[in-house]
N, C-alpha and C. Protein backbone atom coordinates (compact mmCIF):
# COMPACT_ATOMS: atom_id res chain seq x y z
N MET A 1 -0.74 39.36 -1.09
CA MET A 1 -1.19 38.52 -0.01
C MET A 1 -0.08 37.53 0.41
N GLN A 2 0.65 36.99 -0.56
CA GLN A 2 1.74 36.06 -0.26
C GLN A 2 2.80 36.74 0.58
N GLN A 3 3.03 38.02 0.33
CA GLN A 3 4.03 38.77 1.10
C GLN A 3 3.63 38.83 2.57
N VAL A 4 2.34 39.05 2.84
CA VAL A 4 1.85 39.07 4.21
C VAL A 4 2.05 37.71 4.86
N ALA A 5 1.74 36.63 4.13
CA ALA A 5 1.92 35.28 4.66
C ALA A 5 3.38 35.02 4.97
N ASN A 6 4.29 35.47 4.12
CA ASN A 6 5.72 35.26 4.37
C ASN A 6 6.18 36.02 5.60
N ILE A 7 5.70 37.24 5.79
CA ILE A 7 6.06 38.02 6.97
C ILE A 7 5.53 37.33 8.22
N TYR A 8 4.29 36.86 8.16
CA TYR A 8 3.69 36.16 9.30
C TYR A 8 4.49 34.91 9.63
N ASN A 9 4.79 34.10 8.62
CA ASN A 9 5.53 32.86 8.85
C ASN A 9 6.94 33.11 9.34
N SER A 10 7.56 34.20 8.91
CA SER A 10 8.93 34.46 9.37
C SER A 10 8.96 34.85 10.84
N ALA A 11 7.83 35.32 11.36
CA ALA A 11 7.76 35.68 12.78
C ALA A 11 7.50 34.47 13.66
N MET A 12 7.14 33.35 13.06
CA MET A 12 6.85 32.14 13.82
C MET A 12 8.12 31.32 13.99
N SER A 13 8.17 30.56 15.08
CA SER A 13 9.31 29.68 15.31
C SER A 13 9.22 28.46 14.40
N ASP A 14 10.30 27.70 14.33
CA ASP A 14 10.32 26.50 13.48
C ASP A 14 9.21 25.53 13.86
N TRP A 15 9.05 25.27 15.17
CA TRP A 15 8.04 24.31 15.58
C TRP A 15 6.63 24.81 15.27
N GLU A 16 6.41 26.12 15.36
CA GLU A 16 5.10 26.66 15.00
C GLU A 16 4.84 26.51 13.51
N ASN A 17 5.87 26.74 12.71
CA ASN A 17 5.73 26.53 11.26
C ASN A 17 5.45 25.07 10.95
N GLU A 18 6.13 24.16 11.63
CA GLU A 18 5.90 22.73 11.41
C GLU A 18 4.46 22.36 11.73
N ILE A 19 3.93 22.92 12.81
CA ILE A 19 2.53 22.66 13.17
C ILE A 19 1.61 23.15 12.06
N GLN A 20 1.84 24.37 11.58
CA GLN A 20 0.99 24.92 10.52
C GLN A 20 1.06 24.08 9.25
N VAL A 21 2.24 23.59 8.91
CA VAL A 21 2.38 22.73 7.73
C VAL A 21 1.57 21.45 7.91
N GLU A 22 1.70 20.82 9.07
CA GLU A 22 0.96 19.57 9.32
C GLU A 22 -0.55 19.80 9.30
N LEU A 23 -1.00 20.90 9.88
CA LEU A 23 -2.44 21.18 9.88
C LEU A 23 -2.95 21.44 8.46
N LYS A 24 -2.14 22.12 7.66
CA LYS A 24 -2.52 22.36 6.26
C LYS A 24 -2.56 21.04 5.49
N LEU A 25 -1.58 20.17 5.74
CA LEU A 25 -1.59 18.85 5.11
C LEU A 25 -2.82 18.05 5.54
N ALA A 26 -3.21 18.18 6.80
CA ALA A 26 -4.40 17.49 7.29
C ALA A 26 -5.65 17.97 6.56
N GLU A 27 -5.77 19.28 6.41
CA GLU A 27 -6.93 19.84 5.70
C GLU A 27 -6.94 19.40 4.23
N THR A 28 -5.77 19.40 3.61
CA THR A 28 -5.67 18.97 2.22
C THR A 28 -6.06 17.50 2.08
N ALA A 29 -5.61 16.67 3.00
CA ALA A 29 -5.96 15.25 2.97
C ALA A 29 -7.46 15.07 3.15
N ARG A 30 -8.05 15.82 4.05
CA ARG A 30 -9.51 15.71 4.26
C ARG A 30 -10.26 16.12 3.00
N THR A 31 -9.83 17.20 2.37
CA THR A 31 -10.47 17.65 1.14
C THR A 31 -10.39 16.58 0.06
N ALA A 32 -9.29 15.84 0.06
CA ALA A 32 -9.10 14.74 -0.91
C ALA A 32 -9.77 13.45 -0.44
N GLN A 33 -10.55 13.54 0.63
CA GLN A 33 -11.27 12.40 1.21
C GLN A 33 -10.34 11.29 1.69
N ASN A 34 -9.18 11.70 2.18
CA ASN A 34 -8.23 10.75 2.75
C ASN A 34 -8.17 11.01 4.26
N GLU A 35 -9.22 10.56 4.95
CA GLU A 35 -9.35 10.85 6.38
C GLU A 35 -8.24 10.22 7.20
N GLY A 36 -7.74 9.06 6.78
CA GLY A 36 -6.64 8.42 7.50
C GLY A 36 -5.41 9.31 7.51
N ARG A 37 -5.08 9.85 6.37
CA ARG A 37 -3.93 10.76 6.26
C ARG A 37 -4.18 12.04 7.07
N ALA A 38 -5.41 12.53 7.04
CA ALA A 38 -5.76 13.72 7.82
C ALA A 38 -5.52 13.48 9.30
N ARG A 39 -5.90 12.29 9.79
CA ARG A 39 -5.68 11.96 11.20
C ARG A 39 -4.20 11.93 11.54
N VAL A 40 -3.41 11.32 10.67
CA VAL A 40 -1.96 11.24 10.90
C VAL A 40 -1.35 12.63 10.99
N CYS A 41 -1.70 13.50 10.07
CA CYS A 41 -1.15 14.86 10.06
C CYS A 41 -1.61 15.66 11.28
N ALA A 42 -2.87 15.50 11.66
CA ALA A 42 -3.38 16.20 12.85
C ALA A 42 -2.63 15.73 14.09
N ARG A 43 -2.41 14.43 14.20
CA ARG A 43 -1.67 13.90 15.35
C ARG A 43 -0.22 14.39 15.35
N ARG A 44 0.38 14.46 14.18
CA ARG A 44 1.76 14.96 14.12
C ARG A 44 1.83 16.42 14.57
N ALA A 45 0.86 17.23 14.15
CA ALA A 45 0.84 18.63 14.57
C ALA A 45 0.74 18.72 16.09
N ALA A 46 -0.17 17.96 16.67
CA ALA A 46 -0.33 17.96 18.12
C ALA A 46 0.92 17.43 18.80
N GLY A 47 1.55 16.43 18.20
CA GLY A 47 2.77 15.87 18.77
C GLY A 47 3.90 16.89 18.80
N ILE A 48 3.98 17.72 17.79
CA ILE A 48 5.01 18.78 17.76
C ILE A 48 4.78 19.75 18.91
N ALA A 49 3.53 20.15 19.11
CA ALA A 49 3.22 21.07 20.21
C ALA A 49 3.48 20.42 21.56
N ALA A 50 3.14 19.15 21.69
CA ALA A 50 3.37 18.42 22.94
C ALA A 50 4.86 18.32 23.24
N ARG A 51 5.63 18.00 22.22
CA ARG A 51 7.08 17.88 22.39
C ARG A 51 7.69 19.22 22.80
N GLU A 52 7.22 20.31 22.21
CA GLU A 52 7.71 21.64 22.56
C GLU A 52 7.37 21.96 24.01
N TYR A 53 6.14 21.64 24.43
CA TYR A 53 5.76 21.86 25.83
C TYR A 53 6.69 21.08 26.76
N LEU A 54 6.87 19.80 26.46
CA LEU A 54 7.72 18.96 27.32
C LEU A 54 9.15 19.49 27.37
N SER A 55 9.64 19.97 26.25
CA SER A 55 10.99 20.54 26.21
C SER A 55 11.08 21.79 27.10
N ARG A 56 10.09 22.67 26.98
CA ARG A 56 10.08 23.88 27.82
C ARG A 56 9.96 23.53 29.30
N ALA A 57 9.27 22.42 29.60
CA ALA A 57 9.09 21.98 30.99
C ALA A 57 10.31 21.23 31.51
N GLY A 58 11.33 21.07 30.66
CA GLY A 58 12.55 20.39 31.08
C GLY A 58 12.44 18.88 31.12
N LYS A 59 11.44 18.34 30.43
CA LYS A 59 11.25 16.89 30.43
C LYS A 59 11.85 16.31 29.15
N LYS A 60 12.68 15.30 29.32
CA LYS A 60 13.31 14.66 28.16
C LYS A 60 12.33 13.67 27.52
N VAL A 61 12.27 13.73 26.21
CA VAL A 61 11.42 12.83 25.45
C VAL A 61 12.33 11.99 24.57
N ARG A 62 12.25 10.70 24.74
CA ARG A 62 13.16 9.80 24.02
C ARG A 62 12.52 9.13 22.81
N THR A 63 11.28 9.41 22.55
CA THR A 63 10.60 8.77 21.43
C THR A 63 10.31 9.78 20.32
N PRO A 64 10.46 9.37 19.07
CA PRO A 64 10.12 10.26 17.97
C PRO A 64 8.62 10.22 17.65
N SER A 65 7.88 9.34 18.30
CA SER A 65 6.48 9.11 17.98
C SER A 65 5.56 10.18 18.57
N ALA A 66 4.79 10.85 17.71
CA ALA A 66 3.79 11.81 18.19
C ALA A 66 2.76 11.09 19.05
N PHE A 67 2.40 9.89 18.66
CA PHE A 67 1.42 9.10 19.40
C PHE A 67 1.90 8.87 20.83
N ASP A 68 3.16 8.48 20.98
CA ASP A 68 3.71 8.24 22.32
C ASP A 68 3.77 9.52 23.15
N VAL A 69 4.15 10.63 22.52
CA VAL A 69 4.24 11.90 23.24
C VAL A 69 2.85 12.35 23.68
N LEU A 70 1.85 12.16 22.83
CA LEU A 70 0.49 12.52 23.21
C LEU A 70 -0.01 11.64 24.35
N ASN A 71 0.38 10.38 24.36
CA ASN A 71 0.02 9.51 25.49
C ASN A 71 0.66 10.00 26.78
N LEU A 72 1.89 10.49 26.72
CA LEU A 72 2.53 11.07 27.91
C LEU A 72 1.72 12.25 28.44
N ILE A 73 1.29 13.10 27.53
CA ILE A 73 0.50 14.27 27.92
C ILE A 73 -0.83 13.83 28.52
N ALA A 74 -1.46 12.84 27.91
CA ALA A 74 -2.77 12.37 28.39
C ALA A 74 -2.69 11.83 29.80
N ARG A 75 -1.53 11.32 30.20
CA ARG A 75 -1.37 10.71 31.53
C ARG A 75 -0.72 11.64 32.55
N ASP A 76 -0.45 12.88 32.17
CA ASP A 76 0.24 13.80 33.07
C ASP A 76 -0.77 14.50 33.99
N PRO A 77 -0.83 14.10 35.27
CA PRO A 77 -1.82 14.69 36.18
C PRO A 77 -1.57 16.17 36.48
N GLY A 78 -0.40 16.67 36.13
CA GLY A 78 -0.09 18.07 36.38
C GLY A 78 -0.65 19.02 35.33
N LEU A 79 -1.21 18.45 34.27
CA LEU A 79 -1.76 19.29 33.20
C LEU A 79 -3.26 19.47 33.38
N PRO A 80 -3.81 20.55 32.84
CA PRO A 80 -5.26 20.75 32.92
C PRO A 80 -6.02 19.59 32.26
N GLU A 81 -7.16 19.30 32.82
CA GLU A 81 -7.97 18.18 32.33
C GLU A 81 -8.35 18.35 30.86
N THR A 82 -8.62 19.56 30.42
CA THR A 82 -9.01 19.77 29.03
C THR A 82 -7.90 19.35 28.07
N ILE A 83 -6.67 19.63 28.43
CA ILE A 83 -5.54 19.24 27.57
C ILE A 83 -5.38 17.73 27.57
N ARG A 84 -5.49 17.11 28.73
CA ARG A 84 -5.37 15.64 28.81
C ARG A 84 -6.49 14.97 28.02
N GLU A 85 -7.71 15.51 28.10
CA GLU A 85 -8.83 14.95 27.35
C GLU A 85 -8.60 15.07 25.85
N ARG A 86 -8.11 16.22 25.41
CA ARG A 86 -7.81 16.40 23.98
C ARG A 86 -6.74 15.40 23.53
N ALA A 87 -5.71 15.24 24.34
CA ALA A 87 -4.66 14.28 24.01
C ALA A 87 -5.24 12.87 23.91
N ASN A 88 -6.15 12.53 24.82
CA ASN A 88 -6.80 11.21 24.76
C ASN A 88 -7.59 11.03 23.48
N ARG A 89 -8.33 12.07 23.07
CA ARG A 89 -9.09 11.97 21.82
C ARG A 89 -8.15 11.84 20.62
N LEU A 90 -7.01 12.53 20.69
CA LEU A 90 -6.07 12.47 19.57
C LEU A 90 -5.43 11.09 19.41
N VAL A 91 -5.36 10.31 20.47
CA VAL A 91 -4.78 8.96 20.37
C VAL A 91 -5.85 7.87 20.37
N GLN A 92 -7.10 8.27 20.35
CA GLN A 92 -8.19 7.30 20.34
C GLN A 92 -8.12 6.44 19.08
N PRO A 93 -8.20 5.12 19.24
CA PRO A 93 -8.14 4.26 18.06
C PRO A 93 -9.42 4.34 17.23
N VAL A 94 -9.29 4.07 15.96
CA VAL A 94 -10.45 4.01 15.07
C VAL A 94 -11.16 2.68 15.28
N ASP A 95 -12.41 2.60 14.81
CA ASP A 95 -13.15 1.35 14.93
C ASP A 95 -12.81 0.43 13.75
N GLU A 96 -13.53 -0.68 13.65
CA GLU A 96 -13.23 -1.66 12.59
C GLU A 96 -13.47 -1.11 11.18
N ASP A 97 -14.22 -0.01 11.08
CA ASP A 97 -14.45 0.64 9.78
C ASP A 97 -13.50 1.83 9.57
N PHE A 98 -12.47 1.91 10.43
CA PHE A 98 -11.48 2.99 10.36
C PHE A 98 -12.10 4.36 10.59
N LYS A 99 -13.07 4.42 11.48
CA LYS A 99 -13.77 5.66 11.80
C LYS A 99 -13.62 5.99 13.28
N LEU A 100 -13.67 7.27 13.57
CA LEU A 100 -13.76 7.76 14.95
C LEU A 100 -15.22 8.08 15.23
N PRO A 101 -15.58 8.24 16.50
CA PRO A 101 -16.96 8.66 16.78
C PRO A 101 -17.28 9.94 16.00
N ALA A 102 -18.53 10.08 15.60
CA ALA A 102 -18.94 11.20 14.74
C ALA A 102 -18.62 12.57 15.33
N HIS A 103 -18.61 12.68 16.63
CA HIS A 103 -18.39 13.98 17.26
C HIS A 103 -16.91 14.37 17.36
N VAL A 104 -16.01 13.47 16.97
CA VAL A 104 -14.57 13.75 17.10
C VAL A 104 -14.02 14.22 15.75
N ASP A 105 -13.51 15.45 15.74
CA ASP A 105 -12.84 16.02 14.57
C ASP A 105 -11.38 16.22 14.97
N LEU A 106 -10.52 15.30 14.53
CA LEU A 106 -9.13 15.35 14.98
C LEU A 106 -8.39 16.60 14.53
N ILE A 107 -8.76 17.14 13.40
CA ILE A 107 -8.08 18.37 12.96
C ILE A 107 -8.40 19.51 13.93
N GLN A 108 -9.67 19.66 14.27
CA GLN A 108 -10.04 20.70 15.22
C GLN A 108 -9.45 20.41 16.60
N GLU A 109 -9.47 19.14 17.00
CA GLU A 109 -8.86 18.77 18.29
C GLU A 109 -7.38 19.16 18.31
N ALA A 110 -6.69 18.89 17.21
CA ALA A 110 -5.26 19.21 17.14
C ALA A 110 -5.04 20.72 17.21
N LYS A 111 -5.86 21.48 16.49
CA LYS A 111 -5.74 22.94 16.54
C LYS A 111 -5.94 23.45 17.96
N ASP A 112 -7.01 22.98 18.60
CA ASP A 112 -7.31 23.42 19.96
C ASP A 112 -6.22 22.98 20.94
N PHE A 113 -5.75 21.75 20.78
CA PHE A 113 -4.69 21.22 21.64
C PHE A 113 -3.44 22.08 21.52
N CYS A 114 -3.03 22.35 20.28
CA CYS A 114 -1.81 23.15 20.04
C CYS A 114 -1.94 24.53 20.67
N GLU A 115 -3.09 25.14 20.51
CA GLU A 115 -3.30 26.48 21.07
C GLU A 115 -3.25 26.44 22.60
N GLU A 116 -3.94 25.48 23.20
CA GLU A 116 -4.00 25.41 24.66
C GLU A 116 -2.65 25.08 25.28
N ILE A 117 -1.96 24.09 24.73
CA ILE A 117 -0.71 23.66 25.37
C ILE A 117 0.39 24.70 25.17
N SER A 118 0.29 25.49 24.12
CA SER A 118 1.32 26.52 23.89
C SER A 118 1.20 27.66 24.90
N LYS A 119 0.08 27.75 25.59
CA LYS A 119 -0.13 28.82 26.58
C LYS A 119 0.39 28.44 27.97
N ILE A 120 0.79 27.20 28.14
CA ILE A 120 1.27 26.75 29.45
C ILE A 120 2.75 27.05 29.59
């Protein structure tokens, strides 16, 4: 089984591998009940995909921050509304108890965001 995973991963680009690593770290953090860390990793995964999209679109990004890059995507009127909404949810601040609204799953949002933006 590991051999199949290695073949699959070798066919992926560096940025795709980075996304998969961050999503796996997010899942691991959630399993360990470290939701804050899970949010950070999910945002980083989405930030990698956003940065790759911006690079392909010929847009220069001067910030290393995934949060900042996701905010750029959220404000880009040229992108589909679903992608902008996902970016908005990914940068949504937590409440005073360090929680997001119950319906927001940042790991799933990041997965969906990465898939959608990679198709543009």
